[in-house]
């Protein structure tokens, strides 16, 4: 688990450095896409296990835990949609 977290921090650090030096190319896009997919794939299983433990710890049913998971995964898109509705791009 800690190995995945350290990998995620390393990926974020590399992305920040590339952002600060304004390095842009199609190769960077491919690397970013593959890195993002790796992060999603590696963090998915520990997240599900953590949600199961969260539900057991607080006495939630599997259904309620699934709803919490769904809200957590869709909330960033809902916030961005709200920002786009309030202040559309020019």
PDB file of N, CA and C in Angstrom:
ATOM      1  N   UNK A   1       0.829  -1.196   0.000  1.00  0.00           N
ATOM      2  CA  UNK A   1       0.000   0.000   0.000  1.00  0.00           C
ATOM      3  C   UNK A   1       0.868   1.253   0.000  1.00  0.00           C
ATOM      4  N   UNK A   2       1.866   1.294   0.880  1.00  0.00           N
ATOM      5  CA  UNK A   2       2.734   2.470   0.953  1.00  0.00           C
ATOM      6  C   UNK A   2       3.524   2.653  -0.342  1.00  0.00           C
ATOM      7  N   UNK A   3       3.831   1.540  -1.014  1.00  0.00           N
ATOM      8  CA  UNK A   3       4.559   1.612  -2.271  1.00  0.00           C
ATOM      9  C   UNK A   3       3.723   2.349  -3.318  1.00  0.00           C
ATOM     10  N   UNK A   4       2.413   2.086  -3.336  1.00  0.00           N
ATOM     11  CA  UNK A   4       1.519   2.749  -4.285  1.00  0.00           C
ATOM     12  C   UNK A   4       1.420   4.229  -3.969  1.00  0.00           C
ATOM     13  N   UNK A   5       1.329   4.571  -2.696  1.00  0.00           N
ATOM     14  CA  UNK A   5       1.239   5.976  -2.296  1.00  0.00           C
ATOM     15  C   UNK A   5       2.516   6.713  -2.679  1.00  0.00           C
ATOM     16  N   UNK A   6       3.675   6.100  -2.457  1.00  0.00           N
ATOM     17  CA  UNK A   6       4.939   6.731  -2.829  1.00  0.00           C
ATOM     18  C   UNK A   6       5.022   6.908  -4.344  1.00  0.00           C
ATOM     19  N   UNK A   7       4.539   5.922  -5.115  1.00  0.00           N
ATOM     20  CA  UNK A   7       4.524   6.038  -6.566  1.00  0.00           C
ATOM     21  C   UNK A   7       3.637   7.182  -7.007  1.00  0.00           C
ATOM     22  N   UNK A   8       2.498   7.356  -6.353  1.00  0.00           N
ATOM     23  CA  UNK A   8       1.580   8.446  -6.700  1.00  0.00           C
ATOM     24  C   UNK A   8       2.225   9.795  -6.419  1.00  0.00           C
ATOM     25  N   UNK A   9       2.896   9.913  -5.273  1.00  0.00           N
ATOM     26  CA  UNK A   9       3.585  11.163  -4.959  1.00  0.00           C
ATOM     27  C   UNK A   9       4.695  11.453  -5.962  1.00  0.00           C
ATOM     28  N   UNK A  10       5.419  10.421  -6.365  1.00  0.00           N
ATOM     29  CA  UNK A  10       6.478  10.595  -7.349  1.00  0.00           C
ATOM     30  C   UNK A  10       5.904  11.057  -8.688  1.00  0.00           C
ATOM     31  N   UNK A  11       4.787  10.463  -9.111  1.00  0.00           N
ATOM     32  CA  UNK A  11       4.153  10.863 -10.369  1.00  0.00           C
ATOM     33  C   UNK A  11       3.676  12.313 -10.304  1.00  0.00           C
ATOM     34  N   UNK A  12       3.107  12.715  -9.177  1.00  0.00           N
ATOM     35  CA  UNK A  12       2.676  14.099  -9.021  1.00  0.00           C
ATOM     36  C   UNK A  12       3.856  15.062  -9.039  1.00  0.00           C
ATOM     37  N   UNK A  13       4.958  14.680  -8.409  1.00  0.00           N
ATOM     38  CA  UNK A  13       6.152  15.519  -8.389  1.00  0.00           C
ATOM     39  C   UNK A  13       6.726  15.685  -9.789  1.00  0.00           C
ATOM     40  N   UNK A  14       6.797  14.602 -10.544  1.00  0.00           N
ATOM     41  CA  UNK A  14       7.298  14.677 -11.918  1.00  0.00           C
ATOM     42  C   UNK A  14       6.389  15.567 -12.761  1.00  0.00           C
ATOM     43  N   UNK A  15       5.084  15.419 -12.595  1.00  0.00           N
ATOM     44  CA  UNK A  15       4.144  16.266 -13.327  1.00  0.00           C
ATOM     45  C   UNK A  15       4.300  17.730 -12.982  1.00  0.00           C
ATOM     46  N   UNK A  16       4.524  18.038 -11.706  1.00  0.00           N
ATOM     47  CA  UNK A  16       4.723  19.421 -11.276  1.00  0.00           C
ATOM     48  C   UNK A  16       5.993  20.004 -11.882  1.00  0.00           C
ATOM     49  N   UNK A  17       7.071  19.232 -11.890  1.00  0.00           N
ATOM     50  CA  UNK A  17       8.325  19.703 -12.473  1.00  0.00           C
ATOM     51  C   UNK A  17       8.146  19.964 -13.966  1.00  0.00           C
ATOM     52  N   UNK A  18       7.484  19.058 -14.673  1.00  0.00           N
ATOM     53  CA  UNK A  18       7.257  19.259 -16.108  1.00  0.00           C
ATOM     54  C   UNK A  18       6.367  20.469 -16.369  1.00  0.00           C
ATOM     55  N   UNK A  19       5.412  20.701 -15.483  1.00  0.00           N
ATOM     56  CA  UNK A  19       4.543  21.866 -15.622  1.00  0.00           C
ATOM     57  C   UNK A  19       5.331  23.155 -15.416  1.00  0.00           C
ATOM     58  N   UNK A  20       6.218  23.155 -14.441  1.00  0.00           N
ATOM     59  CA  UNK A  20       6.986  24.367 -14.140  1.00  0.00           C
ATOM     60  C   UNK A  20       7.995  24.719 -15.234  1.00  0.00           C
ATOM     61  N   UNK A  21       8.534  23.726 -15.943  1.00  0.00           N
ATOM     62  CA  UNK A  21       9.495  24.018 -17.010  1.00  0.00           C
ATOM     63  C   UNK A  21       8.818  24.153 -18.368  1.00  0.00           C
ATOM     64  N   UNK A  22       7.491  24.078 -18.406  1.00  0.00           N
ATOM     65  CA  UNK A  22       6.693  24.262 -19.627  1.00  0.00           C
ATOM     66  C   UNK A  22       7.122  23.319 -20.748  1.00  0.00           C
ATOM     67  N   UNK A  23       7.390  22.077 -20.387  1.00  0.00           N
ATOM     68  CA  UNK A  23       7.773  21.070 -21.371  1.00  0.00           C
ATOM     69  C   UNK A  23       6.511  20.449 -21.942  1.00  0.00           C
ATOM     70  N   UNK A  24       6.263  20.701 -23.221  1.00  0.00           N
ATOM     71  CA  UNK A  24       5.061  20.154 -23.847  1.00  0.00           C
ATOM     72  C   UNK A  24       5.431  19.458 -25.160  1.00  0.00           C
ATOM     73  N   UNK A  25       4.873  18.298 -25.345  1.00  0.00           N
ATOM     74  CA  UNK A  25       5.039  17.566 -26.593  1.00  0.00           C
ATOM     75  C   UNK A  25       4.044  16.425 -26.606  1.00  0.00           C
ATOM     76  N   UNK A  26       3.944  15.762 -27.728  1.00  0.00           N
ATOM     77  CA  UNK A  26       3.036  14.625 -27.809  1.00  0.00           C
ATOM     78  C   UNK A  26       3.561  13.453 -26.981  1.00  0.00           C
ATOM     79  N   UNK A  27       4.863  13.359 -26.841  1.00  0.00           N
ATOM     80  CA  UNK A  27       5.450  12.301 -26.012  1.00  0.00           C
ATOM     81  C   UNK A  27       5.040  12.510 -24.556  1.00  0.00           C
ATOM     82  N   UNK A  28       5.067  13.758 -24.102  1.00  0.00           N
ATOM     83  CA  UNK A  28       4.646  14.059 -22.740  1.00  0.00           C
ATOM     84  C   UNK A  28       3.181  13.696 -22.528  1.00  0.00           C
ATOM     85  N   UNK A  29       2.359  13.935 -23.533  1.00  0.00           N
ATOM     86  CA  UNK A  29       0.944  13.582 -23.428  1.00  0.00           C
ATOM     87  C   UNK A  29       0.761  12.073 -23.269  1.00  0.00           C
ATOM     88  N   UNK A  30       1.506  11.301 -24.033  1.00  0.00           N
ATOM     89  CA  UNK A  30       1.416   9.844 -23.951  1.00  0.00           C
ATOM     90  C   UNK A  30       1.920   9.362 -22.587  1.00  0.00           C
ATOM     91  N   UNK A  31       3.030   9.935 -22.128  1.00  0.00           N
ATOM     92  CA  UNK A  31       3.574   9.558 -20.822  1.00  0.00           C
ATOM     93  C   UNK A  31       2.573   9.902 -19.719  1.00  0.00           C
ATOM     94  N   UNK A  32       1.955  11.074 -19.810  1.00  0.00           N
ATOM     95  CA  UNK A  32       0.972  11.481 -18.807  1.00  0.00           C
ATOM     96  C   UNK A  32      -0.235  10.556 -18.813  1.00  0.00           C
ATOM     97  N   UNK A  33      -0.701  10.183 -19.999  1.00  0.00           N
ATOM     98  CA  UNK A  33      -1.839   9.280 -20.114  1.00  0.00           C
ATOM     99  C   UNK A  33      -1.526   7.914 -19.508  1.00  0.00           C
ATOM    100  N   UNK A  34      -0.367   7.372 -19.840  1.00  0.00           N
ATOM    101  CA  UNK A  34       0.017   6.071 -19.297  1.00  0.00           C
ATOM    102  C   UNK A  34       0.213   6.154 -17.781  1.00  0.00           C
ATOM    103  N   UNK A  35       0.836   7.238 -17.312  1.00  0.00           N
ATOM    104  CA  UNK A  35       1.021   7.414 -15.873  1.00  0.00           C
ATOM    105  C   UNK A  35      -0.302   7.522 -15.139  1.00  0.00           C
ATOM    106  N   UNK A  36      -1.247   8.272 -15.694  1.00  0.00           N
ATOM    107  CA  UNK A  36      -2.566   8.381 -15.082  1.00  0.00           C
ATOM    108  C   UNK A  36      -3.290   7.051 -15.032  1.00  0.00           C
ATOM    109  N   UNK A  37      -3.199   6.294 -16.114  1.00  0.00           N
ATOM    110  CA  UNK A  37      -3.838   4.977 -16.135  1.00  0.00           C
ATOM    111  C   UNK A  37      -3.204   4.036 -15.109  1.00  0.00           C
ATOM    112  N   UNK A  38      -1.889   4.106 -14.963  1.00  0.00           N
ATOM    113  CA  UNK A  38      -1.222   3.277 -13.952  1.00  0.00           C
ATOM    114  C   UNK A  38      -1.672   3.652 -12.536  1.00  0.00           C
ATOM    115  N   UNK A  39      -1.778   4.950 -12.272  1.00  0.00           N
ATOM    116  CA  UNK A  39      -2.212   5.387 -10.948  1.00  0.00           C
ATOM    117  C   UNK A  39      -3.621   4.892 -10.668  1.00  0.00           C
ATOM    118  N   UNK A  40      -4.516   5.046 -11.636  1.00  0.00           N
ATOM    119  CA  UNK A  40      -5.898   4.592 -11.449  1.00  0.00           C
ATOM    120  C   UNK A  40      -5.942   3.083 -11.228  1.00  0.00           C
ATOM    121  N   UNK A  41      -5.176   2.333 -12.016  1.00  0.00           N
ATOM    122  CA  UNK A  41      -5.192   0.879 -11.902  1.00  0.00           C
ATOM    123  C   UNK A  41      -4.583   0.406 -10.582  1.00  0.00           C
ATOM    124  N   UNK A  42      -3.514   1.057 -10.137  1.00  0.00           N
ATOM    125  CA  UNK A  42      -2.844   0.616  -8.917  1.00  0.00           C
ATOM    126  C   UNK A  42      -3.574   1.038  -7.646  1.00  0.00           C
ATOM    127  N   UNK A  43      -4.298   2.134  -7.689  1.00  0.00           N
ATOM    128  CA  UNK A  43      -4.959   2.638  -6.489  1.00  0.00           C
ATOM    129  C   UNK A  43      -6.372   2.070  -6.353  1.00  0.00           C
ATOM    130  N   UNK A  44      -6.923   1.516  -7.412  1.00  0.00           N
ATOM    131  CA  UNK A  44      -8.306   1.033  -7.390  1.00  0.00           C
ATOM    132  C   UNK A  44      -8.578  -0.031  -6.345  1.00  0.00           C
ATOM    133  N   UNK A  45      -7.792  -1.064  -6.324  1.00  0.00           N
ATOM    134  CA  UNK A  45      -8.021  -2.174  -5.386  1.00  0.00           C
ATOM    135  C   UNK A  45      -7.857  -1.759  -3.922  1.00  0.00           C
ATOM    136  N   UNK A  46      -6.780  -1.038  -3.565  1.00  0.00           N
ATOM    137  CA  UNK A  46      -6.681  -0.579  -2.165  1.00  0.00           C
ATOM    138  C   UNK A  46      -7.836   0.349  -1.769  1.00  0.00           C
ATOM    139  N   UNK A  47      -8.349   1.131  -2.713  1.00  0.00           N
ATOM    140  CA  UNK A  47      -9.476   2.013  -2.415  1.00  0.00           C
ATOM    141  C   UNK A  47     -10.728   1.202  -2.093  1.00  0.00           C
ATOM    142  N   UNK A  48     -10.967   0.143  -2.855  1.00  0.00           N
ATOM    143  CA  UNK A  48     -12.140  -0.704  -2.602  1.00  0.00           C
ATOM    144  C   UNK A  48     -12.008  -1.384  -1.241  1.00  0.00           C
ATOM    145  N   UNK A  49     -10.833  -1.894  -0.930  1.00  0.00           N
ATOM    146  CA  UNK A  49     -10.625  -2.526   0.364  1.00  0.00           C
ATOM    147  C   UNK A  49     -10.807  -1.524   1.503  1.00  0.00           C
ATOM    148  N   UNK A  50     -10.313  -0.306   1.310  1.00  0.00           N
ATOM    149  CA  UNK A  50     -10.476   0.721   2.327  1.00  0.00           C
ATOM    150  C   UNK A  50     -11.936   1.089   2.534  1.00  0.00           C
ATOM    151  N   UNK A  51     -12.703   1.162   1.451  1.00  0.00           N
ATOM    152  CA  UNK A  51     -14.127   1.453   1.578  1.00  0.00           C
ATOM    153  C   UNK A  51     -14.868   0.328   2.287  1.00  0.00           C
ATOM    154  N   UNK A  52     -14.480  -0.923   2.014  1.00  0.00           N
ATOM    155  CA  UNK A  52     -15.100  -2.047   2.720  1.00  0.00           C
ATOM    156  C   UNK A  52     -14.842  -1.948   4.219  1.00  0.00           C
ATOM    157  N   UNK A  53     -13.580  -1.659   4.577  1.00  0.00           N
ATOM    158  CA  UNK A  53     -13.236  -1.521   5.990  1.00  0.00           C
ATOM    159  C   UNK A  53     -13.973  -0.331   6.619  1.00  0.00           C
ATOM    160  N   UNK A  54     -14.112   0.761   5.867  1.00  0.00           N
ATOM    161  CA  UNK A  54     -14.840   1.932   6.343  1.00  0.00           C
ATOM    162  C   UNK A  54     -16.292   1.574   6.650  1.00  0.00           C
ATOM    163  N   UNK A  55     -16.927   0.842   5.736  1.00  0.00           N
ATOM    164  CA  UNK A  55     -18.310   0.429   5.944  1.00  0.00           C
ATOM    165  C   UNK A  55     -18.474  -0.479   7.148  1.00  0.00           C
ATOM    166  N   UNK A  56     -17.556  -1.425   7.313  1.00  0.00           N
ATOM    167  CA  UNK A  56     -17.617  -2.337   8.460  1.00  0.00           C
ATOM    168  C   UNK A  56     -17.385  -1.568   9.758  1.00  0.00           C
ATOM    169  N   UNK A  57     -16.419  -0.653   9.747  1.00  0.00           N
ATOM    170  CA  UNK A  57     -16.069   0.102  10.953  1.00  0.00           C
ATOM    171  C   UNK A  57     -17.241   0.952  11.447  1.00  0.00           C
ATOM    172  N   UNK A  58     -17.967   1.570  10.515  1.00  0.00           N
ATOM    173  CA  UNK A  58     -19.066   2.453  10.902  1.00  0.00           C
ATOM    174  C   UNK A  58     -20.434   1.794  10.809  1.00  0.00           C
ATOM    175  N   UNK A  59     -20.474   0.521  10.474  1.00  0.00           N
ATOM    176  CA  UNK A  59     -21.720  -0.226  10.457  1.00  0.00           C
ATOM    177  C   UNK A  59     -22.616   0.058   9.266  1.00  0.00           C
ATOM    178  N   UNK A  60     -22.052   0.523   8.164  1.00  0.00           N
ATOM    179  CA  UNK A  60     -22.836   0.774   6.954  1.00  0.00           C
ATOM    180  C   UNK A  60     -23.012  -0.523   6.167  1.00  0.00           C
ATOM    181  N   UNK A  61     -24.139  -0.622   5.484  1.00  0.00           N
ATOM    182  CA  UNK A  61     -24.344  -1.777   4.612  1.00  0.00           C
ATOM    183  C   UNK A  61     -23.510  -1.605   3.350  1.00  0.00           C
ATOM    184  N   UNK A  62     -23.405  -2.680   2.570  1.00  0.00           N
ATOM    185  CA  UNK A  62     -22.667  -2.604   1.307  1.00  0.00           C
ATOM    186  C   UNK A  62     -23.312  -1.600   0.358  1.00  0.00           C
ATOM    187  N   UNK A  63     -24.627  -1.503   0.400  1.00  0.00           N
ATOM    188  CA  UNK A  63     -25.341  -0.572  -0.471  1.00  0.00           C
ATOM    189  C   UNK A  63     -24.965   0.879  -0.146  1.00  0.00           C
ATOM    190  N   UNK A  64     -24.975   1.232   1.127  1.00  0.00           N
ATOM    191  CA  UNK A  64     -24.638   2.601   1.532  1.00  0.00           C
ATOM    192  C   UNK A  64     -23.170   2.899   1.224  1.00  0.00           C
ATOM    193  N   UNK A  65     -22.300   1.932   1.446  1.00  0.00           N
ATOM    194  CA  UNK A  65     -20.885   2.119   1.122  1.00  0.00           C
ATOM    195  C   UNK A  65     -20.708   2.337  -0.381  1.00  0.00           C
ATOM    196  N   UNK A  66     -21.458   1.639  -1.197  1.00  0.00           N
ATOM    197  CA  UNK A  66     -21.409   1.841  -2.649  1.00  0.00           C
ATOM    198  C   UNK A  66     -21.886   3.227  -3.046  1.00  0.00           C
ATOM    199  N   UNK A  67     -22.913   3.721  -2.374  1.00  0.00           N
ATOM    200  CA  UNK A  67     -23.403   5.071  -2.660  1.00  0.00           C
ATOM    201  C   UNK A  67     -22.333   6.099  -2.296  1.00  0.00           C
ATOM    202  N   UNK A  68     -21.683   5.917  -1.158  1.00  0.00           N
ATOM    203  CA  UNK A  68     -20.611   6.836  -0.753  1.00  0.00           C
ATOM    204  C   UNK A  68     -19.478   6.806  -1.772  1.00  0.00           C
ATOM    205  N   UNK A  69     -19.122   5.627  -2.243  1.00  0.00           N
ATOM    206  CA  UNK A  69     -18.078   5.494  -3.255  1.00  0.00           C
ATOM    207  C   UNK A  69     -18.474   6.208  -4.541  1.00  0.00           C
ATOM    208  N   UNK A  70     -19.716   6.045  -4.954  1.00  0.00           N
ATOM    209  CA  UNK A  70     -20.193   6.692  -6.169  1.00  0.00           C
ATOM    210  C   UNK A  70     -20.177   8.207  -6.031  1.00  0.00           C
ATOM    211  N   UNK A  71     -20.616   8.707  -4.892  1.00  0.00           N
ATOM    212  CA  UNK A  71     -20.585  10.157  -4.670  1.00  0.00           C
ATOM    213  C   UNK A  71     -19.155  10.687  -4.697  1.00  0.00           C
ATOM    214  N   UNK A  72     -18.245   9.955  -4.070  1.00  0.00           N
ATOM    215  CA  UNK A  72     -16.854  10.402  -4.029  1.00  0.00           C
ATOM    216  C   UNK A  72     -16.227  10.417  -5.418  1.00  0.00           C
ATOM    217  N   UNK A  73     -16.591   9.477  -6.266  1.00  0.00           N
ATOM    218  CA  UNK A  73     -15.989   9.432  -7.597  1.00  0.00           C
ATOM    219  C   UNK A  73     -16.622  10.428  -8.560  1.00  0.00           C
ATOM    220  N   UNK A  74     -17.874  10.805  -8.340  1.00  0.00           N
ATOM    221  CA  UNK A  74     -18.546  11.735  -9.242  1.00  0.00           C
ATOM    222  C   UNK A  74     -18.517  13.182  -8.771  1.00  0.00           C
ATOM    223  N   UNK A  75     -18.142  13.429  -7.538  1.00  0.00           N
ATOM    224  CA  UNK A  75     -18.148  14.779  -7.004  1.00  0.00           C
ATOM    225  C   UNK A  75     -17.217  15.737  -7.761  1.00  0.00           C
ATOM    226  N   UNK A  76     -15.979  15.347  -8.116  1.00  0.00           N
ATOM    227  CA  UNK A  76     -15.123  16.296  -8.861  1.00  0.00           C
ATOM    228  C   UNK A  76     -15.741  16.733 -10.186  1.00  0.00           C
ATOM    229  N   UNK A  77     -16.375  15.813 -10.913  1.00  0.00           N
ATOM    230  CA  UNK A  77     -17.005  16.188 -12.177  1.00  0.00           C
ATOM    231  C   UNK A  77     -18.197  17.114 -11.948  1.00  0.00           C
ATOM    232  N   UNK A  78     -18.943  16.877 -10.879  1.00  0.00           N
ATOM    233  CA  UNK A  78     -20.081  17.743 -10.569  1.00  0.00           C
ATOM    234  C   UNK A  78     -19.614  19.150 -10.229  1.00  0.00           C
ATOM    235  N   UNK A  79     -18.537  19.258  -9.483  1.00  0.00           N
ATOM    236  CA  UNK A  79     -18.000  20.580  -9.123  1.00  0.00           C
ATOM    237  C   UNK A  79     -17.512  21.306 -10.372  1.00  0.00           C
ATOM    238  N   UNK A  80     -16.787  20.613 -11.240  1.00  0.00           N
ATOM    239  CA  UNK A  80     -16.301  21.249 -12.470  1.00  0.00           C
ATOM    240  C   UNK A  80     -17.461  21.669 -13.377  1.00  0.00           C
ATOM    241  N   UNK A  81     -18.505  20.858 -13.444  1.00  0.00           N
ATOM    242  CA  UNK A  81     -19.682  21.226 -14.237  1.00  0.00           C
ATOM    243  C   UNK A  81     -20.338  22.469 -13.665  1.00  0.00           C
ATOM    244  N   UNK A  82     -20.438  22.541 -12.354  1.00  0.00           N
ATOM    245  CA  UNK A  82     -21.012  23.720 -11.709  1.00  0.00           C
ATOM    246  C   UNK A  82     -20.181  24.962 -12.023  1.00  0.00           C
ATOM    247  N   UNK A  83     -18.848  24.832 -11.970  1.00  0.00           N
ATOM    248  CA  UNK A  83     -17.988  25.978 -12.319  1.00  0.00           C
ATOM    249  C   UNK A  83     -18.202  26.413 -13.775  1.00  0.00           C
ATOM    250  N   UNK A  84     -18.359  25.444 -14.679  1.00  0.00           N
ATOM    251  CA  UNK A  84     -18.569  25.771 -16.090  1.00  0.00           C
ATOM    252  C   UNK A  84     -19.919  26.454 -16.311  1.00  0.00           C
ATOM    253  N   UNK A  85     -20.924  26.070 -15.555  1.00  0.00           N
ATOM    254  CA  UNK A  85     -22.248  26.694 -15.687  1.00  0.00           C
ATOM    255  C   UNK A  85     -22.208  28.123 -15.135  1.00  0.00           C
ATOM    256  N   UNK A  86     -21.537  28.297 -13.996  1.00  0.00           N
ATOM    257  CA  UNK A  86     -21.485  29.624 -13.380  1.00  0.00           C
ATOM    258  C   UNK A  86     -20.632  30.584 -14.197  1.00  0.00           C
ATOM    259  N   UNK A  87     -19.488  30.124 -14.677  1.00  0.00           N
ATOM    260  CA  UNK A  87     -18.568  30.999 -15.397  1.00  0.00           C
ATOM    261  C   UNK A  87     -18.093  30.273 -16.657  1.00  0.00           C
ATOM    262  N   UNK A  88     -18.889  30.338 -17.741  1.00  0.00           N
ATOM    263  CA  UNK A  88     -18.502  29.617 -18.963  1.00  0.00           C
ATOM    264  C   UNK A  88     -17.248  30.228 -19.607  1.00  0.00           C
ATOM    265  N   UNK A  89     -16.491  29.407 -20.332  1.00  0.00           N
ATOM    266  CA  UNK A  89     -15.281  29.932 -21.001  1.00  0.00           C
ATOM    267  C   UNK A  89     -15.671  30.900 -22.118  1.00  0.00           C
ATOM    268  N   UNK A  90     -14.766  31.780 -22.397  1.00  0.00           N
ATOM    269  CA  UNK A  90     -15.022  32.787 -23.445  1.00  0.00           C
ATOM    270  C   UNK A  90     -14.672  32.240 -24.806  1.00  0.00           C
TER     271      UNK A  90
END
